[in-house]
Amino acid sequence: MLELKDYLKKLEDSPVYKGWKADNKDSFFYIFFRIMGGNDNNEGWEIGFFDRKKYSSTSFIVNSEVKISAEDSKIFKHKDEDVNDFDIDKVKIGPEQALSIIEKIRNDKYKNEVPSKKIVILQKIDVILWNITYITNNFNTLNFKIDAISGDVIEGTLKPALSFRE
């Protein structure tokens, strides 16, 4: 499996990205995103770029090929919340390590919460972190935030999935 920075380089070297970037010079890299589990066999990542002027995101799917997944999409933040870029070279904890940390905690504290899907996000909020959510067979969400540099668990919560309807 490619390292995250290899996915980013593959994207940045692609004609699809170069053509898009020529028209979107103010956009910057801000997120890696992936859904795992169920019938998904996607070995690649979605990589997002944010444009502060438009307050929108464009994401690319990077696997065996590169293509635009969504262009000028609204993001799930309030306009007063900042979207942060980050240096991928600072990330020391990869997705497999972050998932391993969560699995140890899940096996100790939440062993009945078996994940059916995993939403894996690398982003910078206050620090560069893995924001990983398990959607479980019990219709709960188990969310962990793991520092992507130190591997420290910043936060862990279990909530009923239906609580997000409010």
Protein backbone atom coordinates (compact mmCIF):
# COMPACT_ATOMS: atom_id res chain seq x y z
CA MET A 1 0.00 0.00 0.00
CA LEU A 2 1.22 3.46 -0.84
CA GLU A 3 2.11 5.91 1.92
CA LEU A 4 -0.19 8.92 2.22
CA LYS A 5 2.42 11.31 0.86
CA ASP A 6 2.76 9.02 -2.18
CA TYR A 7 -0.99 9.36 -2.81
CA LEU A 8 -0.67 13.15 -2.56
CA LYS A 9 2.31 13.17 -4.93
CA LYS A 10 0.48 10.91 -7.41
CA LEU A 11 -2.42 13.36 -7.33
CA GLU A 12 -0.25 16.46 -7.72
CA ASP A 13 1.61 14.87 -10.66
CA SER A 14 -1.62 13.96 -12.49
CA PRO A 15 -2.94 15.91 -15.50
CA VAL A 16 -6.41 15.96 -13.88
CA TYR A 17 -5.09 17.79 -10.81
CA LYS A 18 -2.77 20.11 -12.77
CA GLY A 19 -5.64 21.21 -15.02
CA TRP A 20 -7.91 21.81 -12.02
CA LYS A 21 -5.19 23.60 -10.01
CA ALA A 22 -4.52 26.03 -12.88
CA ASP A 23 -8.07 27.35 -12.36
CA ASN A 24 -8.03 27.05 -8.56
CA LYS A 25 -4.73 28.56 -7.45
CA ASP A 26 -6.08 29.63 -4.02
CA SER A 27 -7.18 26.12 -3.02
CA PHE A 28 -5.03 24.19 -0.58
CA PHE A 29 -4.77 20.58 0.60
CA TYR A 30 -6.60 19.99 3.88
CA ILE A 31 -7.93 16.43 4.22
CA PHE A 32 -7.52 12.72 3.50
CA PHE A 33 -10.77 10.74 3.61
CA ARG A 34 -11.71 7.09 3.22
CA ILE A 35 -14.66 4.83 4.01
CA MET A 36 -13.76 1.22 4.75
CA GLY A 37 -15.98 -1.82 5.21
CA GLY A 38 -19.18 -3.20 3.81
CA ASN A 39 -18.98 -3.77 0.05
CA ASP A 40 -16.31 -1.09 -0.46
CA ASN A 41 -13.17 -2.39 -2.11
CA ASN A 42 -11.64 1.03 -2.60
CA GLU A 43 -7.91 0.82 -1.97
CA GLY A 44 -7.41 4.52 -2.59
CA TRP A 45 -8.05 7.74 -0.74
CA GLU A 46 -10.08 10.86 -1.32
CA ILE A 47 -7.93 13.95 -1.01
CA GLY A 48 -9.63 17.29 -0.45
CA PHE A 49 -8.66 20.85 -1.29
CA PHE A 50 -10.34 23.89 0.23
CA ASP A 51 -11.01 27.31 -1.30
CA ARG A 52 -11.57 30.00 1.34
CA LYS A 53 -13.03 32.48 -1.16
CA LYS A 54 -15.73 30.04 -2.30
CA TYR A 55 -15.87 28.31 1.12
CA SER A 56 -16.04 25.02 -0.74
CA SER A 57 -14.07 21.83 -1.24
CA THR A 58 -13.00 19.81 -4.24
CA SER A 59 -11.98 16.22 -3.70
CA PHE A 60 -10.10 13.76 -5.83
CA ILE A 61 -10.15 9.97 -5.65
CA VAL A 62 -6.65 8.57 -5.94
CA ASN A 63 -6.20 4.85 -6.51
CA SER A 64 -5.09 3.18 -9.76
CA GLU A 65 -6.19 6.39 -11.50
CA VAL A 66 -6.93 9.95 -10.44
CA LYS A 67 -10.32 11.58 -10.91
CA ILE A 68 -12.36 14.40 -9.45
CA SER A 69 -14.88 13.04 -6.97
CA ALA A 70 -16.73 16.24 -6.07
CA GLU A 71 -16.16 19.82 -7.12
CA ASP A 72 -17.07 22.99 -5.23
CA SER A 73 -18.88 21.05 -2.49
CA LYS A 74 -20.10 22.65 0.70
CA ILE A 75 -18.23 21.50 3.79
CA PHE A 76 -19.65 20.53 7.19
CA LYS A 77 -18.30 23.43 9.22
CA HIS A 78 -19.67 26.72 10.34
CA LYS A 79 -18.26 29.70 8.47
CA ASP A 80 -16.63 30.93 11.69
CA GLU A 81 -14.66 27.65 11.99
CA ASP A 82 -11.34 27.68 10.20
CA VAL A 83 -10.23 25.03 7.72
CA ASN A 84 -6.56 24.27 8.18
CA ASP A 85 -3.92 22.98 5.83
CA PHE A 86 -1.04 20.88 7.14
CA ASP A 87 2.29 19.41 6.13
CA ILE A 88 1.88 15.71 5.34
CA ASP A 89 5.56 15.15 6.18
CA LYS A 90 4.78 15.87 9.85
CA VAL A 91 2.43 12.86 10.09
CA LYS A 92 4.19 10.05 11.98
CA ILE A 93 1.21 7.79 12.74
CA GLY A 94 -0.22 6.12 9.63
CA PRO A 95 -3.80 4.94 9.19
CA GLU A 96 -2.97 1.33 10.10
CA GLN A 97 -1.33 2.45 13.37
CA ALA A 98 -4.26 4.72 14.23
CA LEU A 99 -6.74 1.92 13.57
CA SER A 100 -4.63 -0.45 15.67
CA ILE A 101 -4.74 2.00 18.61
CA ILE A 102 -8.52 2.22 18.31
CA GLU A 103 -8.93 -1.55 18.02
CA LYS A 104 -7.07 -2.06 21.31
CA ILE A 105 -9.41 0.38 23.05
CA ARG A 106 -12.49 -1.09 21.36
CA ASN A 107 -11.50 -4.61 22.44
CA ASP A 108 -11.01 -3.42 26.04
CA LYS A 109 -13.96 -1.06 26.50
CA TYR A 110 -16.40 -1.57 23.64
CA LYS A 111 -16.00 -5.21 22.53
CA ASN A 112 -19.74 -5.48 21.70
CA GLU A 113 -19.45 -2.58 19.27
CA VAL A 114 -18.40 -4.38 16.08
CA PRO A 115 -17.73 -1.97 13.21
CA SER A 116 -19.62 -2.40 9.96
CA LYS A 117 -18.06 0.70 8.39
CA LYS A 118 -15.08 2.87 9.28
CA ILE A 119 -14.81 6.50 8.27
CA VAL A 120 -11.15 7.47 8.34
CA ILE A 121 -10.15 11.14 8.12
CA LEU A 122 -6.78 12.84 8.45
CA GLN A 123 -7.14 16.57 9.10
CA LYS A 124 -5.89 19.42 11.22
CA ILE A 125 -8.22 20.84 13.82
CA ASP A 126 -5.97 22.14 16.60
CA VAL A 127 -3.37 19.46 15.82
CA ILE A 128 -2.97 17.07 12.91
CA LEU A 129 -5.19 14.16 13.84
CA TRP A 130 -6.90 11.01 12.73
CA ASN A 131 -10.64 11.47 13.15
CA ILE A 132 -11.98 7.94 12.88
CA THR A 133 -15.60 6.92 13.26
CA TYR A 134 -16.87 3.36 13.43
CA ILE A 135 -20.50 2.80 12.52
CA THR A 136 -21.28 -0.33 14.51
CA ASN A 137 -23.66 -3.24 14.06
CA ASN A 138 -25.50 -1.93 17.16
CA PHE A 139 -26.30 1.34 15.32
CA ASN A 140 -23.85 3.33 17.40
CA THR A 141 -20.96 5.56 16.40
CA LEU A 142 -17.63 5.08 18.07
CA ASN A 143 -15.43 8.10 17.33
CA PHE A 144 -11.79 8.58 18.20
CA LYS A 145 -9.40 11.41 17.59
CA ILE A 146 -5.75 10.28 17.54
CA ASP A 147 -2.83 12.71 17.38
CA ALA A 148 -1.17 11.93 14.02
CA ILE A 149 2.27 12.90 15.31
CA SER A 150 2.41 11.32 18.79
CA GLY A 151 -0.28 8.63 18.58
CA ASP A 152 -1.94 9.95 21.75
CA VAL A 153 -5.69 9.48 22.08
CA ILE A 154 -7.20 12.96 22.21
CA GLU A 155 -10.83 11.91 22.53
CA GLY A 156 -13.07 8.86 22.36
CA THR A 157 -16.87 8.80 22.39
CA LEU A 158 -19.67 6.29 21.89
CA LYS A 159 -23.05 7.64 20.81
CA PRO A 160 -26.22 6.20 19.38
CA ALA A 161 -26.18 6.75 15.61
CA LEU A 162 -29.73 8.13 15.74
CA SER A 163 -28.60 10.95 18.07
CA PHE A 164 -27.25 12.77 15.00
CA ARG A 165 -30.78 13.33 13.65
CA GLU A 166 -31.35 16.32 15.98
